Amino acid sequence: MNNAYEPDDRFVERLEWQLSSEYRRTNRLKSAPGKIAVSRRMAGVAAIVGLVMTGLTALNAAAYLKDSWRKKIEIARIETEVKLKQAHLASTKEMAARTDQRFSLGVVGDEENQMIKLAVEKSDSDLKTALVNLDEVRASGEIPRNELYAPVVGGRDFVSERLEIEKKQTERGLKPLESRLNRSRQRVELGVIPKDQLDQIEAEMAGEKTTIDGIQKRLDLRKRFVTGTITAEEVEIEGRRTEAELKMTSAQAKVDSLQNQLKRLKNLEAVGLISPTETHEMQFALDAAQFELKLAAVEMDVLKKAK
């Protein structure tokens, strides 16, 4: 037997005592010869046979002896993660309370106050996700799985639970963006800021809305898989198509925004208001975004042909 499955001394001693007791019970007219010596090898075999007799196969019994420690480690890891996120949430709430008080006194602006409140909501969502992860590990003994084709565990759809948390948090993030957008429109009309800053915020908002739409599509696909109307292979392909569409939309928005910014910088460079370095940096960022867009297009083309 592999050394990894050898029982320790306490286990062997306990097994020897049990066998001796059983021997005395079945041989009441004879004096017990003391404890029956059992080798480590035989003790390991007895343990595995005992597991097999309870309904496990020999392979599953070996896996039980080998892998039970993995579950303990993973649970300990996520329990630590939960504690850290609980502490972070408490700290963020304290900071938010101080900022809200300063806002009421007019020391800080509404934008900063809204951002810290959003940070609290984000921290709360992270904690909720960690707690869902912990429940899944305790139920399955495995690390949390986010694939749309992952099985339901103990009657709970952990994949959908995490997606719902992510969707709600992304929706909350739209509120401060809408406030920024309204203020920026007023500032553009007054000539305080250039229009490309407004375009950047609008692109950011469009990206967040696209993300929310993508999460909802993943939730719909997951529901179809759980109800059995789509296979694991089909849900994987459809899920990756959804992600590819999201990447393409995001990359296109980034390219459009960077092109507008580059055009403005070139005009400023032409009249000597900025150095060529700023224009080169923006050109580099645009090139990277265009490569990202091309890669997303290739991925989308491949997935459209997948069956």
Protein backbone atom coordinates (compact mmCIF):
# COMPACT_ATOMS: atom_id res chain seq x y z
CA MET A 1 0.00 0.00 0.00
CA ASN A 2 1.18 3.52 -0.72
CA ASN A 3 2.72 5.22 2.34
CA ALA A 4 0.28 8.09 1.88
CA TYR A 5 -2.53 5.80 3.08
CA GLU A 6 -0.75 4.31 6.11
CA PRO A 7 -2.70 4.96 9.32
CA ASP A 8 -1.00 6.48 12.36
CA ASP A 9 -0.12 4.65 15.59
CA ARG A 10 -3.30 5.68 17.44
CA PHE A 11 -5.48 4.32 14.62
CA VAL A 12 -3.61 0.97 14.63
CA GLU A 13 -3.83 0.66 18.41
CA ARG A 14 -7.58 1.38 18.34
CA LEU A 15 -8.14 -1.19 15.60
CA GLU A 16 -6.15 -3.81 17.51
CA TRP A 17 -8.29 -3.18 20.59
CA GLN A 18 -11.51 -3.50 18.59
CA LEU A 19 -10.40 -6.77 17.01
CA SER A 20 -9.38 -8.16 20.40
CA SER A 21 -12.76 -7.22 21.86
CA GLU A 22 -14.54 -8.89 18.97
CA TYR A 23 -12.39 -11.99 19.40
CA ARG A 24 -13.35 -12.21 23.10
CA ARG A 25 -17.04 -11.84 22.28
CA THR A 26 -16.96 -14.71 19.79
CA ASN A 27 -14.80 -16.95 21.96
CA ARG A 28 -16.38 -16.52 25.39
CA LEU A 29 -15.25 -19.99 26.62
CA LYS A 30 -11.63 -19.21 25.84
CA SER A 31 -9.34 -16.79 27.57
CA ALA A 32 -8.41 -13.79 25.48
CA PRO A 33 -4.75 -13.91 24.41
CA GLY A 34 -4.36 -10.13 24.77
CA LYS A 35 -4.53 -7.66 21.95
CA ILE A 36 -4.21 -8.96 18.43
CA ALA A 37 -1.23 -7.56 16.53
CA VAL A 38 -2.21 -5.78 13.36
CA SER A 39 0.29 -4.50 10.81
CA ARG A 40 0.02 -1.01 9.38
CA ARG A 41 -0.66 -2.50 5.97
CA MET A 42 -3.56 -4.61 7.26
CA ALA A 43 -4.95 -1.67 9.23
CA GLY A 44 -5.01 0.45 6.07
CA VAL A 45 -6.72 -2.37 4.16
CA ALA A 46 -9.29 -2.77 6.93
CA ALA A 47 -10.06 0.94 6.86
CA ILE A 48 -10.63 0.94 3.11
CA VAL A 49 -12.73 -2.26 3.25
CA GLY A 50 -14.83 -0.62 5.95
CA LEU A 51 -15.51 2.32 3.70
CA VAL A 52 -16.37 0.03 0.81
CA MET A 53 -18.86 -1.81 3.00
CA THR A 54 -20.66 1.46 3.72
CA GLY A 55 -21.42 1.92 0.02
CA LEU A 56 -18.24 3.46 -1.40
CA THR A 57 -16.15 1.90 -4.13
CA ALA A 58 -12.48 1.16 -3.47
CA LEU A 59 -11.54 4.13 -5.64
CA ASN A 60 -13.82 6.50 -3.75
CA ALA A 61 -12.53 5.19 -0.45
CA ALA A 62 -8.96 5.93 -1.47
CA ALA A 63 -10.03 9.37 -2.67
CA TYR A 64 -11.71 9.96 0.69
CA LEU A 65 -8.51 9.13 2.57
CA LYS A 66 -6.45 11.22 0.17
CA ASP A 67 -8.62 14.29 -0.44
CA SER A 68 -10.43 15.03 2.83
CA TRP A 69 -7.63 17.44 3.80
CA ARG A 70 -8.24 19.53 0.68
CA LYS A 71 -11.73 20.42 1.83
CA LYS A 72 -10.45 21.48 5.26
CA ILE A 73 -7.78 23.71 3.72
CA GLU A 74 -10.21 25.32 1.27
CA ILE A 75 -12.77 25.97 4.00
CA ALA A 76 -10.07 27.52 6.20
CA ARG A 77 -8.93 29.71 3.30
CA ILE A 78 -12.39 31.06 2.53
CA GLU A 79 -13.24 31.48 6.22
CA THR A 80 -10.15 33.70 6.46
CA GLU A 81 -11.29 35.57 3.35
CA VAL A 82 -14.72 36.12 4.93
CA LYS A 83 -13.15 37.54 8.11
CA LEU A 84 -10.96 39.90 6.09
CA LYS A 85 -13.94 41.11 4.05
CA GLN A 86 -15.99 41.59 7.22
CA ALA A 87 -13.21 43.76 8.66
CA HIS A 88 -12.91 45.69 5.39
CA LEU A 89 -16.66 46.33 5.32
CA ALA A 90 -16.61 47.61 8.91
CA SER A 91 -13.69 49.92 8.12
CA THR A 92 -15.35 51.23 4.96
CA LYS A 93 -18.58 51.92 6.83
CA GLU A 94 -16.67 53.95 9.42
CA MET A 95 -15.02 55.96 6.65
CA ALA A 96 -18.40 56.50 4.98
CA ALA A 97 -19.90 57.79 8.24
CA ARG A 98 -17.09 60.32 8.63
CA THR A 99 -17.38 61.41 4.99
CA ASP A 100 -21.14 61.79 5.29
CA GLN A 101 -20.68 64.01 8.32
CA ARG A 102 -18.12 66.13 6.48
CA PHE A 103 -20.51 66.34 3.52
CA SER A 104 -23.27 67.68 5.79
CA LEU A 105 -20.84 70.39 6.91
CA GLY A 106 -19.96 71.26 3.32
CA VAL A 107 -16.33 70.12 3.67
CA VAL A 108 -16.54 67.50 0.89
CA GLY A 109 -18.60 67.43 -2.28
CA ASP A 110 -21.49 65.17 -3.25
CA GLU A 111 -19.38 63.22 -5.74
CA GLU A 112 -16.87 62.15 -3.09
CA ASN A 113 -19.69 61.25 -0.70
CA GLN A 114 -21.38 59.11 -3.35
CA MET A 115 -18.13 57.35 -4.21
CA ILE A 116 -17.49 56.28 -0.62
CA LYS A 117 -21.07 55.00 -0.35
CA LEU A 118 -20.49 52.99 -3.50
CA ALA A 119 -17.32 51.59 -1.92
CA VAL A 120 -19.40 50.39 1.04
CA GLU A 121 -21.85 48.66 -1.30
CA LYS A 122 -18.97 47.06 -3.20
CA SER A 123 -17.42 45.80 0.04
CA ASP A 124 -20.79 44.40 1.11
CA SER A 125 -21.18 42.60 -2.23
CA ASP A 126 -17.68 41.12 -1.90
CA LEU A 127 -18.57 39.78 1.54
CA LYS A 128 -21.82 38.25 0.27
CA THR A 129 -19.92 36.55 -2.55
CA ALA A 130 -17.36 35.17 -0.10
CA LEU A 131 -20.15 33.77 2.10
CA VAL A 132 -21.73 32.07 -0.94
CA ASN A 133 -18.32 30.61 -1.79
CA LEU A 134 -17.96 29.28 1.75
CA ASP A 135 -21.37 27.60 1.60
CA GLU A 136 -20.43 25.97 -1.70
CA VAL A 137 -17.13 24.59 -0.41
CA ARG A 138 -18.80 23.19 2.69
CA ALA A 139 -21.46 21.53 0.53
CA SER A 140 -19.24 20.21 -2.27
CA GLY A 141 -15.75 19.91 -0.79
CA GLU A 142 -14.38 21.61 -3.90
CA ILE A 143 -13.32 25.13 -4.84
CA PRO A 144 -16.20 27.34 -6.02
CA ARG A 145 -17.08 26.92 -9.70
CA ASN A 146 -18.38 29.72 -11.91
CA GLU A 147 -18.83 27.83 -15.18
CA LEU A 148 -22.37 28.07 -16.51
CA TYR A 149 -22.34 24.28 -16.82
CA ALA A 150 -21.25 23.68 -13.20
CA PRO A 151 -23.64 21.35 -11.32
CA VAL A 152 -26.18 22.49 -8.75
CA VAL A 153 -24.87 21.58 -5.29
CA GLY A 154 -27.22 20.46 -2.55
CA GLY A 155 -30.18 22.05 -4.29
CA ARG A 156 -28.49 25.47 -4.48
CA ASP A 157 -27.46 27.23 -7.68
CA PHE A 158 -24.32 28.95 -6.43
CA VAL A 159 -23.38 30.15 -9.93
CA SER A 160 -26.62 32.14 -10.30
CA GLU A 161 -26.34 33.49 -6.75
CA ARG A 162 -22.94 35.01 -7.51
CA LEU A 163 -24.14 36.41 -10.83
CA GLU A 164 -27.11 38.08 -9.11
CA ILE A 165 -24.78 39.73 -6.59
CA GLU A 166 -22.52 40.93 -9.41
CA LYS A 167 -25.46 42.31 -11.39
CA LYS A 168 -26.88 44.28 -8.45
CA GLN A 169 -23.49 45.78 -7.67
CA THR A 170 -22.95 46.85 -11.28
CA GLU A 171 -26.42 48.43 -11.35
CA ARG A 172 -25.57 50.42 -8.21
CA GLY A 173 -22.46 51.72 -9.95
CA LEU A 174 -24.60 53.46 -12.56
CA LYS A 175 -25.98 56.02 -10.07
CA PRO A 176 -22.76 57.97 -9.44
CA LEU A 177 -21.95 57.77 -13.15
CA GLU A 178 -25.30 59.36 -13.98
CA SER A 179 -24.58 62.16 -11.51
CA ARG A 180 -21.15 62.73 -13.04
CA LEU A 181 -22.67 62.74 -16.51
CA ASN A 182 -25.24 65.40 -15.63
CA ARG A 183 -22.63 67.64 -14.00
CA SER A 184 -20.25 67.19 -16.93
CA ARG A 185 -22.94 68.19 -19.41
CA GLN A 186 -23.47 71.43 -17.52
CA ARG A 187 -19.73 72.09 -17.40
CA VAL A 188 -19.36 71.46 -21.14
CA GLU A 189 -22.16 73.95 -21.83
CA LEU A 190 -20.34 76.49 -19.67
CA GLY A 191 -17.05 75.75 -21.43
CA VAL A 192 -15.35 74.65 -18.19
CA ILE A 193 -14.29 71.22 -19.48
CA PRO A 194 -13.70 69.86 -23.00
CA LYS A 195 -16.36 67.70 -24.62
CA ASP A 196 -14.09 64.65 -24.81
CA GLN A 197 -14.35 64.31 -21.02
CA LEU A 198 -18.12 64.07 -21.42
CA ASP A 199 -17.66 61.49 -24.17
CA GLN A 200 -15.45 59.46 -21.87
CA ILE A 201 -18.11 59.34 -19.14
CA GLU A 202 -20.79 58.42 -21.67
CA ALA A 203 -18.58 55.60 -22.96
CA GLU A 204 -18.05 54.39 -19.38
CA MET A 205 -21.80 54.37 -18.77
CA ALA A 206 -22.42 52.47 -22.00
CA GLY A 207 -19.82 49.92 -20.93
CA GLU A 208 -21.50 49.39 -17.54
CA LYS A 209 -24.90 48.93 -19.20
CA THR A 210 -23.37 46.41 -21.59
CA THR A 211 -21.88 44.56 -18.63
CA ILE A 212 -25.28 44.37 -16.93
CA ASP A 213 -26.84 43.07 -20.13
CA GLY A 214 -24.09 40.45 -20.39
CA ILE A 215 -24.67 39.27 -16.81
CA GLN A 216 -28.38 38.92 -17.48
CA LYS A 217 -27.69 36.84 -20.58
CA ARG A 218 -25.45 34.57 -18.51
CA LEU A 219 -28.21 34.23 -15.91
CA ASP A 220 -30.69 33.28 -18.63
CA LEU A 221 -28.28 30.69 -20.06
CA ARG A 222 -27.66 29.26 -16.60
CA LYS A 223 -31.40 28.90 -16.03
CA ARG A 224 -31.76 27.02 -19.31
CA PHE A 225 -28.94 24.66 -18.33
CA VAL A 226 -30.32 24.00 -14.84
CA THR A 227 -33.78 23.24 -16.27
CA GLY A 228 -32.25 20.88 -18.83
CA THR A 229 -33.19 22.76 -22.01
CA ILE A 230 -29.55 23.18 -23.06
CA THR A 231 -26.52 20.87 -22.78
CA ALA A 232 -23.24 21.61 -21.03
CA GLU A 233 -21.43 21.99 -24.36
CA GLU A 234 -24.12 24.29 -25.75
CA VAL A 235 -24.18 26.51 -22.65
CA GLU A 236 -20.39 26.81 -22.74
CA ILE A 237 -20.39 27.94 -26.38
CA GLU A 238 -23.30 30.35 -25.85
CA GLY A 239 -21.68 31.72 -22.71
CA ARG A 240 -18.42 32.37 -24.48
CA ARG A 241 -20.28 34.05 -27.33
CA THR A 242 -21.90 36.37 -24.81
CA GLU A 243 -18.49 37.19 -23.33
CA ALA A 244 -17.03 37.75 -26.80
CA GLU A 245 -19.87 40.14 -27.68
CA LEU A 246 -19.21 42.03 -24.44
CA LYS A 247 -15.49 42.25 -25.25
CA MET A 248 -16.22 43.53 -28.76
CA THR A 249 -18.64 46.19 -27.54
CA SER A 250 -16.25 47.32 -24.81
CA ALA A 251 -13.25 47.35 -27.15
CA GLN A 252 -15.14 49.31 -29.82
CA ALA A 253 -16.24 51.92 -27.28
CA LYS A 254 -12.64 52.24 -26.08
CA VAL A 255 -11.35 52.65 -29.62
CA ASP A 256 -13.94 55.35 -30.41
CA SER A 257 -13.14 57.25 -27.22
CA LEU A 258 -9.36 57.07 -27.74
CA GLN A 259 -9.66 58.18 -31.36
CA ASN A 260 -11.53 61.32 -30.26
CA GLN A 261 -8.95 62.01 -27.54
CA LEU A 262 -6.07 61.49 -29.96
CA LYS A 263 -7.61 63.91 -32.45
CA ARG A 264 -7.87 66.58 -29.76
CA LEU A 265 -4.26 66.01 -28.62
CA LYS A 266 -2.96 66.29 -32.17
CA ASN A 267 -4.70 69.65 -32.53
CA LEU A 268 -3.13 70.83 -29.27
CA GLU A 269 0.28 69.55 -30.35
CA ALA A 270 -0.02 71.37 -33.68
CA VAL A 271 -0.27 74.73 -31.89
CA GLY A 272 2.45 73.85 -29.38
CA LEU A 273 0.27 73.48 -26.29
CA ILE A 274 1.42 69.93 -25.48
CA SER A 275 4.51 67.85 -26.17
CA PRO A 276 4.64 65.08 -28.80
CA THR A 277 5.12 62.55 -25.95
CA GLU A 278 1.48 62.87 -24.88
CA THR A 279 0.31 62.26 -28.43
CA HIS A 280 2.58 59.20 -28.77
CA GLU A 281 1.24 57.74 -25.51
CA MET A 282 -2.33 58.19 -26.67
CA GLN A 283 -1.49 56.61 -30.03
CA PHE A 284 0.01 53.62 -28.22
CA ALA A 285 -3.14 53.23 -26.12
CA LEU A 286 -5.27 53.40 -29.28
CA ASP A 287 -3.15 50.75 -31.02
CA ALA A 288 -3.55 48.43 -28.01
CA ALA A 289 -7.33 48.94 -28.00
CA GLN A 290 -7.50 48.20 -31.73
CA PHE A 291 -5.58 44.94 -31.24
CA GLU A 292 -7.99 44.05 -28.45
CA LEU A 293 -10.91 44.71 -30.80
CA LYS A 294 -9.38 42.53 -33.53
CA LEU A 295 -8.84 39.66 -31.09
CA ALA A 296 -12.44 39.89 -29.89
CA ALA A 297 -13.62 39.82 -33.51
CA VAL A 298 -11.58 36.66 -34.21
CA GLU A 299 -12.95 34.97 -31.08
CA MET A 300 -16.49 35.91 -32.05
CA ASP A 301 -16.01 34.55 -35.58
CA VAL A 302 -14.71 31.21 -34.27
CA LEU A 303 -17.58 30.85 -31.78
CA LYS A 304 -20.20 31.62 -34.44
CA LYS A 305 -18.96 28.62 -36.39
CA ALA A 306 -18.84 26.33 -33.32
CA LYS A 307 -21.55 23.73 -32.96
